[in-house]
Protein backbone atom coordinates (compact mmCIF):
# COMPACT_ATOMS: atom_id res chain seq x y z
CA MET A 1 28.96 73.64 -51.16
CA GLY A 2 28.17 69.84 -49.57
CA LYS A 3 30.18 66.94 -49.17
CA ILE A 4 30.75 63.63 -50.80
CA VAL A 5 29.10 61.22 -49.91
CA VAL A 6 29.75 57.23 -50.16
CA SER A 7 27.23 54.42 -49.59
CA LYS A 8 26.86 50.56 -50.37
CA PRO A 9 23.16 50.17 -52.20
CA ASP A 10 22.00 46.86 -52.82
CA GLU A 11 21.07 45.56 -55.92
CA ALA A 12 17.35 46.50 -55.54
CA GLU A 13 18.11 50.00 -54.94
CA LEU A 14 20.72 50.01 -58.21
CA ALA A 15 17.66 48.91 -60.11
CA LYS A 16 15.21 51.16 -58.41
CA MET A 17 18.00 54.12 -59.76
CA GLY A 18 18.31 52.39 -63.00
CA VAL A 19 22.29 52.39 -62.87
CA ARG A 20 22.86 49.85 -64.94
CA GLN A 21 21.52 51.67 -67.55
CA TRP A 22 24.09 54.77 -67.01
CA PRO A 23 26.60 55.22 -69.26
CA VAL A 24 30.17 53.79 -68.33
CA TRP A 25 33.37 55.25 -67.31
CA GLU A 26 36.41 54.21 -67.18
CA ALA A 27 40.17 55.52 -66.69
CA GLU A 28 43.68 53.68 -65.89
CA PRO A 29 46.21 54.68 -62.71
CA SER A 30 46.05 58.44 -62.74
CA SER A 31 45.95 61.54 -60.68
CA PHE A 32 44.29 64.91 -61.80
CA PRO A 33 42.12 68.13 -60.92
CA TRP A 34 38.27 68.12 -61.63
CA HIS A 35 35.53 70.37 -61.26
CA TYR A 36 31.67 69.43 -60.77
CA ASP A 37 29.49 71.82 -62.73
CA SER A 38 26.67 69.40 -61.41
CA THR A 39 26.18 66.95 -59.22
CA GLU A 40 27.36 63.33 -60.31
CA VAL A 41 26.18 59.82 -58.90
CA CYS A 42 28.51 57.19 -59.84
CA TYR A 43 28.29 53.47 -58.73
CA LEU A 44 31.92 52.01 -59.18
CA LEU A 45 31.87 48.65 -60.79
CA GLN A 46 35.97 48.28 -59.84
CA GLY A 47 38.92 49.77 -58.86
CA LYS A 48 39.89 52.20 -56.14
CA VAL A 49 40.04 55.86 -55.71
CA THR A 50 41.20 58.64 -53.52
CA VAL A 51 39.52 62.37 -53.79
CA LYS A 52 41.20 64.81 -51.69
CA ALA A 53 38.29 68.21 -51.57
CA GLY A 54 39.98 70.79 -49.42
CA ASP A 55 40.51 69.53 -45.92
CA GLU A 56 37.93 66.28 -46.76
CA GLU A 57 39.68 63.05 -48.29
CA VAL A 58 37.49 60.10 -49.44
CA VAL A 59 38.88 56.93 -50.23
CA PHE A 60 36.22 54.52 -52.15
CA GLY A 61 35.90 51.46 -54.47
CA ALA A 62 34.00 49.21 -55.86
CA GLY A 63 30.87 48.56 -55.13
CA ASP A 64 30.30 52.39 -53.62
CA MET A 65 27.79 54.62 -54.63
CA VAL A 66 29.09 58.27 -54.40
CA VAL A 67 27.89 61.68 -54.93
CA PHE A 68 29.53 65.01 -55.39
CA PRO A 69 28.25 67.92 -55.06
CA ALA A 70 27.64 70.83 -57.84
CA GLY A 71 30.68 73.29 -57.58
CA LEU A 72 32.82 70.70 -55.99
CA ASP A 73 36.89 71.47 -56.69
CA CYS A 74 38.53 67.88 -56.28
CA PHE A 75 41.82 66.22 -56.96
CA TRP A 76 41.18 62.42 -57.90
CA THR A 77 43.93 59.80 -57.58
CA VAL A 78 43.18 56.56 -59.26
CA HIS A 79 44.86 53.55 -57.78
CA GLN A 80 43.31 50.90 -59.27
CA SER A 81 41.84 51.08 -62.71
CA VAL A 82 38.49 52.52 -62.55
CA ARG A 83 34.98 51.00 -64.16
CA LYS A 84 31.80 52.97 -62.57
CA HIS A 85 28.40 53.84 -63.88
CA TYR A 86 27.83 57.66 -63.49
CA SER A 87 24.71 60.11 -63.96
CA PHE A 88 24.81 63.75 -63.76
CA ARG A 89 21.47 66.11 -61.79
């Protein structure tokens, strides 16, 4: 299984990927377990999140693009309300 990957794409990269046309998901501050059946790519418009998967802990927020690999079991902690574009692959 792969690792969670975080990057900071610029507007040209976002446009090339069509990110602004992806669906939007929102969440209030909360904590919950999650399993990824397929790879998710998301771009955070707002918020701050910590995701823990085994020994790996990743913190990300507004302006970050995050790739979650298929098969990942993790635990989300939403510190600040999240609004993100997402796409499953």
